Each structure stands twice: as structure tokens, then as C-alpha cells.
Amino acid sequence: MPIVHDWLARRAALAPERTALIDAQHGERRITYREWNEVATRTAAFLHHGLGVGQGDRVAVLAYNCVEFLDLFFACAKLGAILQPLNWRLSATELSSLLADAEPSVLVFGPEFCAQVDAVRPRAPFVRHWLSLASPGPGARAFSERSAQQALALPPLELEADAPWVLCYTGGSTGLPKAAVLTHGSITANAVNTVMGWGLTADDVALLNAPLFHAGGLSVFTTPLAYVGGASVVCRSFDVEGVFDLVQRGVVNLVFGVPTMFIEMQRHPRFDAVDLSRVKLLISGGAPCPGPVFERFFARGVDFKTGYGLTEAGPNNFWLPPEDVRRKPGAVGVPLFHVEARIDGETRPGDVGELLLRGPHVCAGYWRRPEDTARTFAGGWLHTGDLAVRDAEGCFRIVGRSKDLIISGGENIYPSEVESVLAGHPEVAEVAVIGVADPRWGETPRALVVARSGTAPTAEALLAFCDGRLARYKTPKSVRFIEALPRTSAGKVDRRALSAAHGAP
């Protein structure tokens, strides 16, 4: 059955003068749904009539968050084209591999990435049009040419729910990332789940500073708010001062981020003074969040939550009811309305196992990766690779990645649990825990610690801090101090790199 694919046309008909976007990079310029739909339609006409983009063609974009990025996203929906957002943290070699993977006919790029574009151009003969968001250099055209596009009529189009909309790459730490095929049906289902389960309304305004090349930036709040008629404040990237200004003035009431962002907020001298009373949802995702981060937000009277999602599903899957937020800090809650979740091998509450998910919000598999698709989506369930536990009340908690599990003397140790304790030490800025081979126990935990500026904690002090807070077998057997934790292209701690550098006995 065909699905509604042109969201902006529908929103412009239902609520034309409601604010859809607030452009933080241009004086907080407000854009209505009518205006946004007109610009996205003109963008689609330019892609189609001027550049030959049609249904199924790929359009790549390499840019920081901007309104033009979102114009392209919804212009592709109008044409049945497929958006390929590119991670601007990647090297030119990695970007070349991703371009070869999807073979886009058009690449739109921001002025900050001219060098990368020049480097990949010889290796991407399939790209017919290179469009610059600024003044174009040799071999490129200006994206602003869309303003002069005369023919606005778009080809008639009906799309099924399984039609691809976005190729969103997983943040793998080794090898070429896989592109999850996000369909019109999966993005719509995530929006429905989020609006229903999280209670979003047309009056909500979200802070959009998570990168749009990740599912978190695209669909934690952005697409659900477009679906319900709310608004997003489009920020180039994460900036603590900018976040506090928007929250203080009550411009935004929905804030999503990864743990690193919230840690930076709490380190900032303005944290204790900024007015958080109008924030409706403050939610962390992408990685486990240390316990002390919850405690500081709770002390400010804020119901800080952990969400759970991944590129292949959602990314929104659970909801923690308000009455459980402080009773079960760090839990992700119960599945959203159209989400099924189970724990592989679970026989009773409290059993730890791999989290499996299914529902209409799950992607259609991996782009041109049939073997990976068959393995990851075996039996009709998405095998997440994440370890979870469900309590007697049906509330889920993520305890870590299965590949990160440390088994010491037959006991399971989840790095996130140990990290949460050590993060509570006042002289610890960041910490990661890895397994180290041990002839007696098989593995033992090692803590890799980044000290807070101006402090000099000792290994002995940190291990003493764990006494009474962790079981003895969970307490690290060694501590190393490092300058910084390495990150993957997705911004997560690169445990593989840590193990390679610091995992020797």
C-alpha cells in the first residue's frame, strides 16, 4: 500500500504558518512549514529538472548541520531519491569508499570540506554534479542555483513503505561502515512511536545540534517533530554556551545528546545557574551515561533520561515513565507502542542476554550487504549486539556491548558498570574499562583514566574509591592514566583502539 512520502506538503496544508525550523546560524530566523515546503519543492525541482535526479538515485551531502541539509532530506522524499549523509569526521580515503558504496550522482558539500572533495573527486567518476553550499570552485556548481529553478512541477509518484529514503552508516570502529537502509516506512514508524510514546506535541521545540549524518540527528526529535508539527532549532554543531542560551531563554524544551555533551555541560561554570525548569525532555543516547551525570541533573530537579536506539532501529525504542526516572536511573524503560523487544535466552527476570528488536521502525537491512543483512536480521529479529536485562516490572536496562563483556574467573563484568562508579570520583574526567588477559582469571578489568585538569589522582586512590561500591572481582586490577579517550567516527569511545594500545598484560 502506498505511503505518504511528501511530509512537508502535508504539513504545509495542515498548518502552513506554524514555525517548522529556527535557523540558529542566521539570527534565529524562523521558517514556517509553508516556506519550508516551498523551498524543499524548489530544491526537488532543481535536483530533478536541472540535475536529472529521479526515483532511486542517490544524493550525497557532506556538510555541517544547516537548513539546506534538511531541505535536501525532504526534497529527496518528494522525488523518491535516496539521501546519503556523509560523516565529515572521516578521512578522504574513507569517504571515497562510502561514495563507491552508494554511487551518488550528486554530492552537495559545505565550504569547510573543499579539500576532502578535491581529494575524492578523482575516485568518484559516478558523481555527475558537485554542488557547493558556498561560492563554487573549479568543477563545482552553486547549490544556490536552485533559487532560479523555473519548472516546479515534480513527476507523479507513489511510494510503498519499503522504499528507501536514507542510507545511514553505522559507526563501526573497523572496516567500512555498513549503510542501514532507512525506508519511508521505518522513518514514519519511528515518528509515530516517538510522538505517541514520548508525548510530543506541535508546541514542542527541539535543539538540533547532533550531527545529521547520524540517525540520532535525523530522527530522535527532527522527523517526529516534523510529523506532529513541532519545530527544531538548527545549530551547526554542539556548543555548550549556545545550548545554555537557548535553554535559558526558553527557546527549546527538548534536548537530546550523547553522554559527552552532558558531561561538558556539567563541567561548565554556568551549569548550576542556567534555568532548566522549562525543559520537557532531557535525554541521552549513543552510549551508557555515567551515574554521576544523572545525580547532578536530579539535584537540579530535572528528570534526566537514557534513551536507547541504533542506526538500524528507530532510533527510539523505549520509554521510561516519569515515576521510574529517579527510581531506576539509567534504565531505558519499556518498549514503545509499535516496538517488540526480547532478551535472547532469557528464562526469568534478571537474566542478561542480547537484545533483539522488531517492528515497522526497523530498517530494511544493509545496502548491498546481503550476508550481513541475513546474519543481523536472522529470524525476523534485529540482533543488536547489545546486552540487556529486564526486571520483574518489564523495564529494560542496557548493560553493554556483547563484544565488550569481560569474563573474569567465570564472572561477567560489564565495563559500563565499573566506569559509572569511577566517573563519580571528583578527579576523574573520563574513564573506559577494558579486559586484559590474565593467566589465572582469564581476563581482568583495567581502567584507562583521563584526569580532570589540575588534578593528579593516583591508582591507589581510585581503587580505594571502588571499595564498597563494586564487588571485588569487578574492581580494576590495574589503572593507567592517558591524555584522552580515542573516539570512533560516531563519537563513541573506541574500545578496540584502547585494547590495542593498552590491552597487553
Foldseek 3Di string as FASTA:
>chain_A
DFDPQQLLVVLCVVWVAFFAEQAPVPVRDTDGSVRLSVLLLLLLLCCCVVVNDAAAAEEEEAAFWGSVVVSPLSSCSVRNYEYEYDQNVDALVLVLVVCVLRLHQEYEYEPVCPVSCVSNVVSRPSHNAYEYCDDDDPPHHHSVCSVVRDDSDHDDDTDHQQRFRYFAFFQDQDDRTFTFGFGNQLLVVLLVLCCVQVVDALAAEEEQAQGPSHCCNCHPVNSNNSNRNHYYYTDRHDDLVVVLVCQQVVVHQEYEEAQVSLLVNVVDPCNLPRDNPSRPAAEHEDDQHAPVSCVVCVVVVDLYAYAQAGRQFSRGFAPADPVCSVVPPQFRFAGTDFKDWDFPPDDAAPDKHFIKIAGSNGTPATRPCVVRRCVQCPPNIGRPQWIWTAHPVRIIHTQGGPVQWEFWQNDTARFSLQQSQLCPPPFFSGKTWGWAQDPPGRTAIEIETETDPPDDDDPVVSLVSCVVVDDPRRRGPYYHYDNDFDATSSRHGSVVVVCVVPRYD
